[in-house]
Amino acid sequence: MAQGKRISADIPEAVLQSIRELGAAAKQARLQAGEGQAAAAARLGVHVQTIGRIEAGEPGVAIGHVLGLLALYGMTTKAQAARKP
């Protein structure tokens, strides 16, 4: 990747929207569990900023961290193959 190029520049808007929705769902689950970002970060073993980036829907966060956060709150996601028109 060229220096200074944002990762989101190559990702379709529909995918970016899905990432944002996933982050929002993770945040909602964390809040419903009554946990702060710092507690979630400690449980996941990441920096608190990583939790904020996931919840904000930033596309550059490691997928393992995203899925790990979802798992902390009993959430899962399943990949589906896109259908070609």
PDB file of N, CA and C in Angstrom:
ATOM      1  N   MET A   1       0.849  -1.163   0.000  1.00  0.00           N
ATOM      2  CA  MET A   1       0.000   0.000   0.000  1.00  0.00           C
ATOM      3  C   MET A   1       0.897   1.230   0.000  1.00  0.00           C
ATOM      4  N   ALA A   2       0.552   2.212  -0.781  1.00  0.00           N
ATOM      5  CA  ALA A   2       1.331   3.437  -0.865  1.00  0.00           C
ATOM      6  C   ALA A   2       1.241   4.206   0.449  1.00  0.00           C
ATOM      7  N   GLN A   3       2.358   4.826   0.824  1.00  0.00           N
ATOM      8  CA  GLN A   3       2.370   5.581   2.068  1.00  0.00           C
ATOM      9  C   GLN A   3       1.347   6.710   2.004  1.00  0.00           C
ATOM     10  N   GLY A   4       0.599   6.869   3.073  1.00  0.00           N
ATOM     11  CA  GLY A   4      -0.393   7.932   3.141  1.00  0.00           C
ATOM     12  C   GLY A   4      -1.742   7.569   2.550  1.00  0.00           C
ATOM     13  N   LYS A   5      -1.840   6.439   1.888  1.00  0.00           N
ATOM     14  CA  LYS A   5      -3.107   6.025   1.287  1.00  0.00           C
ATOM     15  C   LYS A   5      -3.983   5.382   2.361  1.00  0.00           C
ATOM     16  N   ARG A   6      -5.216   5.820   2.443  1.00  0.00           N
ATOM     17  CA  ARG A   6      -6.136   5.258   3.430  1.00  0.00           C
ATOM     18  C   ARG A   6      -6.657   3.915   2.947  1.00  0.00           C
ATOM     19  N   ILE A   7      -6.734   2.961   3.863  1.00  0.00           N
ATOM     20  CA  ILE A   7      -7.215   1.630   3.517  1.00  0.00           C
ATOM     21  C   ILE A   7      -8.646   1.686   2.990  1.00  0.00           C
ATOM     22  N   SER A   8      -9.447   2.609   3.492  1.00  0.00           N
ATOM     23  CA  SER A   8     -10.847   2.685   3.080  1.00  0.00           C
ATOM     24  C   SER A   8     -11.017   3.137   1.640  1.00  0.00           C
ATOM     25  N   ALA A   9      -9.958   3.664   1.022  1.00  0.00           N
ATOM     26  CA  ALA A   9     -10.058   4.133  -0.360  1.00  0.00           C
ATOM     27  C   ALA A   9     -10.349   2.987  -1.322  1.00  0.00           C
ATOM     28  N   ASP A  10      -9.971   1.774  -0.963  1.00  0.00           N
ATOM     29  CA  ASP A  10     -10.150   0.621  -1.841  1.00  0.00           C
ATOM     30  C   ASP A  10     -11.331  -0.264  -1.446  1.00  0.00           C
ATOM     31  N   ILE A  11     -12.084   0.127  -0.462  1.00  0.00           N
ATOM     32  CA  ILE A  11     -13.186  -0.694   0.034  1.00  0.00           C
ATOM     33  C   ILE A  11     -14.505  -0.077  -0.410  1.00  0.00           C
ATOM     34  N   PRO A  12     -15.382  -0.877  -1.027  1.00  0.00           N
ATOM     35  CA  PRO A  12     -16.682  -0.353  -1.467  1.00  0.00           C
ATOM     36  C   PRO A  12     -17.485   0.225  -0.294  1.00  0.00           C
ATOM     37  N   GLU A  13     -18.269   1.235  -0.562  1.00  0.00           N
ATOM     38  CA  GLU A  13     -19.055   1.908   0.477  1.00  0.00           C
ATOM     39  C   GLU A  13     -19.980   0.940   1.215  1.00  0.00           C
ATOM     40  N   ALA A  14     -20.563  -0.015   0.512  1.00  0.00           N
ATOM     41  CA  ALA A  14     -21.459  -0.974   1.173  1.00  0.00           C
ATOM     42  C   ALA A  14     -20.709  -1.793   2.223  1.00  0.00           C
ATOM     43  N   VAL A  15     -19.467  -2.115   1.935  1.00  0.00           N
ATOM     44  CA  VAL A  15     -18.650  -2.875   2.887  1.00  0.00           C
ATOM     45  C   VAL A  15     -18.280  -1.988   4.073  1.00  0.00           C
ATOM     46  N   LEU A  16     -17.908  -0.748   3.798  1.00  0.00           N
ATOM     47  CA  LEU A  16     -17.595   0.186   4.881  1.00  0.00           C
ATOM     48  C   LEU A  16     -18.796   0.366   5.803  1.00  0.00           C
ATOM     49  N   GLN A  17     -19.984   0.434   5.224  1.00  0.00           N
ATOM     50  CA  GLN A  17     -21.203   0.561   6.026  1.00  0.00           C
ATOM     51  C   GLN A  17     -21.399  -0.672   6.904  1.00  0.00           C
ATOM     52  N   SER A  18     -21.121  -1.846   6.373  1.00  0.00           N
ATOM     53  CA  SER A  18     -21.236  -3.077   7.162  1.00  0.00           C
ATOM     54  C   SER A  18     -20.259  -3.069   8.331  1.00  0.00           C
ATOM     55  N   ILE A  19     -19.048  -2.567   8.098  1.00  0.00           N
ATOM     56  CA  ILE A  19     -18.046  -2.480   9.162  1.00  0.00           C
ATOM     57  C   ILE A  19     -18.525  -1.521  10.250  1.00  0.00           C
ATOM     58  N   ARG A  20     -19.084  -0.398   9.842  1.00  0.00           N
ATOM     59  CA  ARG A  20     -19.604   0.570  10.818  1.00  0.00           C
ATOM     60  C   ARG A  20     -20.753  -0.036  11.630  1.00  0.00           C
ATOM     61  N   GLU A  21     -21.628  -0.776  10.967  1.00  0.00           N
ATOM     62  CA  GLU A  21     -22.756  -1.408  11.657  1.00  0.00           C
ATOM     63  C   GLU A  21     -22.269  -2.457  12.651  1.00  0.00           C
ATOM     64  N   LEU A  22     -21.243  -3.203  12.269  1.00  0.00           N
ATOM     65  CA  LEU A  22     -20.666  -4.209  13.157  1.00  0.00           C
ATOM     66  C   LEU A  22     -20.076  -3.536  14.396  1.00  0.00           C
ATOM     67  N   GLY A  23     -19.377  -2.427  14.182  1.00  0.00           N
ATOM     68  CA  GLY A  23     -18.817  -1.678  15.305  1.00  0.00           C
ATOM     69  C   GLY A  23     -19.889  -1.141  16.233  1.00  0.00           C
ATOM     70  N   ALA A  24     -20.959  -0.626  15.656  1.00  0.00           N
ATOM     71  CA  ALA A  24     -22.066  -0.101  16.461  1.00  0.00           C
ATOM     72  C   ALA A  24     -22.728  -1.217  17.267  1.00  0.00           C
ATOM     73  N   ALA A  25     -22.861  -2.386  16.669  1.00  0.00           N
ATOM     74  CA  ALA A  25     -23.457  -3.525  17.374  1.00  0.00           C
ATOM     75  C   ALA A  25     -22.558  -3.971  18.527  1.00  0.00           C
ATOM     76  N   ALA A  26     -21.248  -3.960  18.303  1.00  0.00           N
ATOM     77  CA  ALA A  26     -20.310  -4.324  19.364  1.00  0.00           C
ATOM     78  C   ALA A  26     -20.408  -3.330  20.519  1.00  0.00           C
ATOM     79  N   LYS A  27     -20.501  -2.057  20.193  1.00  0.00           N
ATOM     80  CA  LYS A  27     -20.621  -1.027  21.232  1.00  0.00           C
ATOM     81  C   LYS A  27     -21.905  -1.213  22.029  1.00  0.00           C
ATOM     82  N   GLN A  28     -23.000  -1.452  21.333  1.00  0.00           N
ATOM     83  CA  GLN A  28     -24.281  -1.647  22.007  1.00  0.00           C
ATOM     84  C   GLN A  28     -24.212  -2.848  22.951  1.00  0.00           C
ATOM     85  N   ALA A  29     -23.604  -3.940  22.499  1.00  0.00           N
ATOM     86  CA  ALA A  29     -23.486  -5.133  23.337  1.00  0.00           C
ATOM     87  C   ALA A  29     -22.632  -4.849  24.571  1.00  0.00           C
ATOM     88  N   ARG A  30     -21.544  -4.099  24.376  1.00  0.00           N
ATOM     89  CA  ARG A  30     -20.676  -3.748  25.506  1.00  0.00           C
ATOM     90  C   ARG A  30     -21.436  -2.896  26.520  1.00  0.00           C
ATOM     91  N   LEU A  31     -22.162  -1.907  26.030  1.00  0.00           N
ATOM     92  CA  LEU A  31     -22.923  -1.032  26.923  1.00  0.00           C
ATOM     93  C   LEU A  31     -24.022  -1.799  27.660  1.00  0.00           C
ATOM     94  N   GLN A  32     -24.687  -2.704  26.964  1.00  0.00           N
ATOM     95  CA  GLN A  32     -25.735  -3.509  27.598  1.00  0.00           C
ATOM     96  C   GLN A  32     -25.154  -4.409  28.683  1.00  0.00           C
ATOM     97  N   ALA A  33     -23.885  -4.798  28.504  1.00  0.00           N
ATOM     98  CA  ALA A  33     -23.211  -5.613  29.513  1.00  0.00           C
ATOM     99  C   ALA A  33     -22.729  -4.762  30.683  1.00  0.00           C
ATOM    100  N   GLY A  34     -22.866  -3.440  30.555  1.00  0.00           N
ATOM    101  CA  GLY A  34     -22.459  -2.544  31.621  1.00  0.00           C
ATOM    102  C   GLY A  34     -20.960  -2.398  31.753  1.00  0.00           C
ATOM    103  N   GLU A  35     -20.258  -2.581  30.659  1.00  0.00           N
ATOM    104  CA  GLU A  35     -18.802  -2.542  30.680  1.00  0.00           C
ATOM    105  C   GLU A  35     -18.286  -1.315  29.944  1.00  0.00           C
ATOM    106  N   GLY A  36     -17.204  -0.748  30.430  1.00  0.00           N
ATOM    107  CA  GLY A  36     -16.555   0.365  29.755  1.00  0.00           C
ATOM    108  C   GLY A  36     -15.546  -0.139  28.736  1.00  0.00           C
ATOM    109  N   GLN A  37     -15.055   0.778  27.923  1.00  0.00           N
ATOM    110  CA  GLN A  37     -14.058   0.411  26.922  1.00  0.00           C
ATOM    111  C   GLN A  37     -12.787  -0.130  27.564  1.00  0.00           C
ATOM    112  N   ALA A  38     -12.380   0.440  28.685  1.00  0.00           N
ATOM    113  CA  ALA A  38     -11.155  -0.012  29.346  1.00  0.00           C
ATOM    114  C   ALA A  38     -11.283  -1.461  29.813  1.00  0.00           C
ATOM    115  N   ALA A  39     -12.433  -1.813  30.352  1.00  0.00           N
ATOM    116  CA  ALA A  39     -12.651  -3.188  30.806  1.00  0.00           C
ATOM    117  C   ALA A  39     -12.656  -4.151  29.626  1.00  0.00           C
ATOM    118  N   ALA A  40     -13.304  -3.752  28.541  1.00  0.00           N
ATOM    119  CA  ALA A  40     -13.329  -4.599  27.342  1.00  0.00           C
ATOM    120  C   ALA A  40     -11.921  -4.782  26.794  1.00  0.00           C
ATOM    121  N   ALA A  41     -11.149  -3.704  26.778  1.00  0.00           N
ATOM    122  CA  ALA A  41      -9.774  -3.775  26.276  1.00  0.00           C
ATOM    123  C   ALA A  41      -8.932  -4.712  27.130  1.00  0.00           C
ATOM    124  N   ALA A  42      -9.085  -4.623  28.447  1.00  0.00           N
ATOM    125  CA  ALA A  42      -8.329  -5.494  29.344  1.00  0.00           C
ATOM    126  C   ALA A  42      -8.692  -6.957  29.115  1.00  0.00           C
ATOM    127  N   ARG A  43      -9.965  -7.240  28.959  1.00  0.00           N
ATOM    128  CA  ARG A  43     -10.406  -8.624  28.729  1.00  0.00           C
ATOM    129  C   ARG A  43      -9.904  -9.160  27.406  1.00  0.00           C
ATOM    130  N   LEU A  44      -9.851  -8.290  26.391  1.00  0.00           N
ATOM    131  CA  LEU A  44      -9.424  -8.716  25.056  1.00  0.00           C
ATOM    132  C   LEU A  44      -7.908  -8.693  24.917  1.00  0.00           C
ATOM    133  N   GLY A  45      -7.238  -7.953  25.792  1.00  0.00           N
ATOM    134  CA  GLY A  45      -5.784  -7.858  25.730  1.00  0.00           C
ATOM    135  C   GLY A  45      -5.291  -6.880  24.678  1.00  0.00           C
ATOM    136  N   VAL A  46      -6.057  -5.809  24.474  1.00  0.00           N
ATOM    137  CA  VAL A  46      -5.686  -4.785  23.493  1.00  0.00           C
ATOM    138  C   VAL A  46      -5.724  -3.420  24.169  1.00  0.00           C
ATOM    139  N   HIS A  47      -5.228  -2.414  23.478  1.00  0.00           N
ATOM    140  CA  HIS A  47      -5.276  -1.046  23.986  1.00  0.00           C
ATOM    141  C   HIS A  47      -6.710  -0.535  23.895  1.00  0.00           C
ATOM    142  N   VAL A  48      -7.075   0.329  24.819  1.00  0.00           N
ATOM    143  CA  VAL A  48      -8.431   0.879  24.841  1.00  0.00           C
ATOM    144  C   VAL A  48      -8.767   1.589  23.530  1.00  0.00           C
ATOM    145  N   GLN A  49      -7.767   2.177  22.882  1.00  0.00           N
ATOM    146  CA  GLN A  49      -8.015   2.839  21.598  1.00  0.00           C
ATOM    147  C   GLN A  49      -8.489   1.849  20.535  1.00  0.00           C
ATOM    148  N   THR A  50      -8.051   0.603  20.642  1.00  0.00           N
ATOM    149  CA  THR A  50      -8.488  -0.415  19.682  1.00  0.00           C
ATOM    150  C   THR A  50      -9.988  -0.645  19.803  1.00  0.00           C
ATOM    151  N   ILE A  51     -10.493  -0.660  21.013  1.00  0.00           N
ATOM    152  CA  ILE A  51     -11.937  -0.826  21.213  1.00  0.00           C
ATOM    153  C   ILE A  51     -12.674   0.342  20.574  1.00  0.00           C
ATOM    154  N   GLY A  52     -12.188   1.540  20.792  1.00  0.00           N
ATOM    155  CA  GLY A  52     -12.805   2.721  20.185  1.00  0.00           C
ATOM    156  C   GLY A  52     -12.788   2.668  18.674  1.00  0.00           C
ATOM    157  N   ARG A  53     -11.689   2.192  18.103  1.00  0.00           N
ATOM    158  CA  ARG A  53     -11.588   2.095  16.647  1.00  0.00           C
ATOM    159  C   ARG A  53     -12.558   1.052  16.099  1.00  0.00           C
ATOM    160  N   ILE A  54     -12.693  -0.063  16.801  1.00  0.00           N
ATOM    161  CA  ILE A  54     -13.648  -1.092  16.368  1.00  0.00           C
ATOM    162  C   ILE A  54     -15.058  -0.515  16.400  1.00  0.00           C
ATOM    163  N   GLU A  55     -15.409   0.104  17.513  1.00  0.00           N
ATOM    164  CA  GLU A  55     -16.759   0.633  17.677  1.00  0.00           C
ATOM    165  C   GLU A  55     -17.056   1.772  16.713  1.00  0.00           C
ATOM    166  N   ALA A  56     -16.025   2.482  16.283  1.00  0.00           N
ATOM    167  CA  ALA A  56     -16.201   3.570  15.313  1.00  0.00           C
ATOM    168  C   ALA A  56     -16.294   3.041  13.886  1.00  0.00           C
ATOM    169  N   GLY A  57     -16.037   1.753  13.708  1.00  0.00           N
ATOM    170  CA  GLY A  57     -16.129   1.160  12.379  1.00  0.00           C
ATOM    171  C   GLY A  57     -14.939   1.441  11.491  1.00  0.00           C
ATOM    172  N   GLU A  58     -13.771   1.623  12.082  1.00  0.00           N
ATOM    173  CA  GLU A  58     -12.572   1.852  11.281  1.00  0.00           C
ATOM    174  C   GLU A  58     -12.168   0.546  10.599  1.00  0.00           C
ATOM    175  N   PRO A  59     -11.941   0.577   9.291  1.00  0.00           N
ATOM    176  CA  PRO A  59     -11.667  -0.648   8.542  1.00  0.00           C
ATOM    177  C   PRO A  59     -10.274  -1.233   8.738  1.00  0.00           C
ATOM    178  N   GLY A  60      -9.338  -0.505   9.331  1.00  0.00           N
ATOM    179  CA  GLY A  60      -7.969  -0.992   9.456  1.00  0.00           C
ATOM    180  C   GLY A  60      -7.679  -1.809  10.700  1.00  0.00           C
ATOM    181  N   VAL A  61      -8.683  -2.074  11.523  1.00  0.00           N
ATOM    182  CA  VAL A  61      -8.478  -2.842  12.751  1.00  0.00           C
ATOM    183  C   VAL A  61      -8.345  -4.325  12.396  1.00  0.00           C
ATOM    184  N   ALA A  62      -7.440  -5.015  13.078  1.00  0.00           N
ATOM    185  CA  ALA A  62      -7.231  -6.445  12.829  1.00  0.00           C
ATOM    186  C   ALA A  62      -8.538  -7.218  13.028  1.00  0.00           C
ATOM    187  N   ILE A  63      -8.840  -8.082  12.085  1.00  0.00           N
ATOM    188  CA  ILE A  63     -10.093  -8.840  12.124  1.00  0.00           C
ATOM    189  C   ILE A  63     -10.195  -9.705  13.379  1.00  0.00           C
ATOM    190  N   GLY A  64      -9.064 -10.198  13.862  1.00  0.00           N
ATOM    191  CA  GLY A  64      -9.069 -10.995  15.085  1.00  0.00           C
ATOM    192  C   GLY A  64      -9.529 -10.197  16.292  1.00  0.00           C
ATOM    193  N   HIS A  65      -9.162  -8.922  16.330  1.00  0.00           N
ATOM    194  CA  HIS A  65      -9.606  -8.064  17.429  1.00  0.00           C
ATOM    195  C   HIS A  65     -11.106  -7.807  17.335  1.00  0.00           C
ATOM    196  N   VAL A  66     -11.587  -7.586  16.129  1.00  0.00           N
ATOM    197  CA  VAL A  66     -13.024  -7.347  15.935  1.00  0.00           C
ATOM    198  C   VAL A  66     -13.823  -8.574  16.368  1.00  0.00           C
ATOM    199  N   LEU A  67     -13.436  -9.730  15.866  1.00  0.00           N
ATOM    200  CA  LEU A  67     -14.162 -10.955  16.204  1.00  0.00           C
ATOM    201  C   LEU A  67     -14.013 -11.299  17.679  1.00  0.00           C
ATOM    202  N   GLY A  68     -12.847 -11.008  18.247  1.00  0.00           N
ATOM    203  CA  GLY A  68     -12.639 -11.241  19.674  1.00  0.00           C
ATOM    204  C   GLY A  68     -13.568 -10.392  20.524  1.00  0.00           C
ATOM    205  N   LEU A  69     -13.734  -9.127  20.145  1.00  0.00           N
ATOM    206  CA  LEU A  69     -14.638  -8.244  20.885  1.00  0.00           C
ATOM    207  C   LEU A  69     -16.073  -8.744  20.789  1.00  0.00           C
ATOM    208  N   LEU A  70     -16.479  -9.143  19.605  1.00  0.00           N
ATOM    209  CA  LEU A  70     -17.833  -9.680  19.445  1.00  0.00           C
ATOM    210  C   LEU A  70     -18.032 -10.911  20.324  1.00  0.00           C
ATOM    211  N   ALA A  71     -17.032 -11.782  20.361  1.00  0.00           N
ATOM    212  CA  ALA A  71     -17.131 -13.015  21.145  1.00  0.00           C
ATOM    213  C   ALA A  71     -17.252 -12.729  22.642  1.00  0.00           C
ATOM    214  N   LEU A  72     -16.598 -11.660  23.113  1.00  0.00           N
ATOM    215  CA  LEU A  72     -16.701 -11.310  24.534  1.00  0.00           C
ATOM    216  C   LEU A  72     -18.149 -11.127  24.965  1.00  0.00           C
ATOM    217  N   TYR A  73     -18.974 -10.688  24.035  1.00  0.00           N
ATOM    218  CA  TYR A  73     -20.369 -10.388  24.360  1.00  0.00           C
ATOM    219  C   TYR A  73     -21.338 -11.373  23.715  1.00  0.00           C
ATOM    220  N   GLY A  74     -20.836 -12.542  23.358  1.00  0.00           N
ATOM    221  CA  GLY A  74     -21.696 -13.601  22.843  1.00  0.00           C
ATOM    222  C   GLY A  74     -22.195 -13.389  21.433  1.00  0.00           C
ATOM    223  N   MET A  75     -21.510 -12.533  20.688  1.00  0.00           N
ATOM    224  CA  MET A  75     -21.922 -12.252  19.314  1.00  0.00           C
ATOM    225  C   MET A  75     -21.027 -13.011  18.342  1.00  0.00           C
ATOM    226  N   THR A  76     -21.572 -13.327  17.198  1.00  0.00           N
ATOM    227  CA  THR A  76     -20.794 -13.959  16.133  1.00  0.00           C
ATOM    228  C   THR A  76     -21.138 -13.285  14.814  1.00  0.00           C
ATOM    229  N   THR A  77     -20.354 -13.573  13.828  1.00  0.00           N
ATOM    230  CA  THR A  77     -20.646 -13.119  12.473  1.00  0.00           C
ATOM    231  C   THR A  77     -20.286 -14.259  11.540  1.00  0.00           C
ATOM    232  N   LYS A  78     -20.975 -14.343  10.458  1.00  0.00           N
ATOM    233  CA  LYS A  78     -20.761 -15.431   9.512  1.00  0.00           C
ATOM    234  C   LYS A  78     -20.515 -14.830   8.143  1.00  0.00           C
ATOM    235  N   ALA A  79     -19.446 -15.255   7.512  1.00  0.00           N
ATOM    236  CA  ALA A  79     -19.133 -14.765   6.171  1.00  0.00           C
ATOM    237  C   ALA A  79     -20.046 -15.435   5.154  1.00  0.00           C
ATOM    238  N   GLN A  80     -20.465 -14.651   4.187  1.00  0.00           N
ATOM    239  CA  GLN A  80     -21.289 -15.176   3.104  1.00  0.00           C
ATOM    240  C   GLN A  80     -20.658 -14.775   1.786  1.00  0.00           C
ATOM    241  N   ALA A  81     -20.652 -15.686   0.852  1.00  0.00           N
ATOM    242  CA  ALA A  81     -20.118 -15.370  -0.468  1.00  0.00           C
ATOM    243  C   ALA A  81     -21.071 -14.408  -1.173  1.00  0.00           C
ATOM    244  N   ALA A  82     -20.501 -13.399  -1.785  1.00  0.00           N
ATOM    245  CA  ALA A  82     -21.319 -12.443  -2.535  1.00  0.00           C
ATOM    246  C   ALA A  82     -21.770 -13.082  -3.840  1.00  0.00           C
ATOM    247  N   ARG A  83     -22.969 -12.796  -4.214  1.00  0.00           N
ATOM    248  CA  ARG A  83     -23.490 -13.309  -5.485  1.00  0.00           C
ATOM    249  C   ARG A  83     -23.154 -12.334  -6.588  1.00  0.00           C
ATOM    250  N   LYS A  84     -22.687 -12.867  -7.681  1.00  0.00           N
ATOM    251  CA  LYS A  84     -22.382 -12.015  -8.831  1.00  0.00           C
ATOM    252  C   LYS A  84     -23.661 -11.761  -9.611  1.00  0.00           C
ATOM    253  N   PRO A  85     -23.840 -10.519 -10.065  1.00  0.00           N
ATOM    254  CA  PRO A  85     -25.067 -10.189 -10.805  1.00  0.00           C
ATOM    255  C   PRO A  85     -25.194 -10.955 -12.107  1.00  0.00           C
TER     256      PRO A  85
END
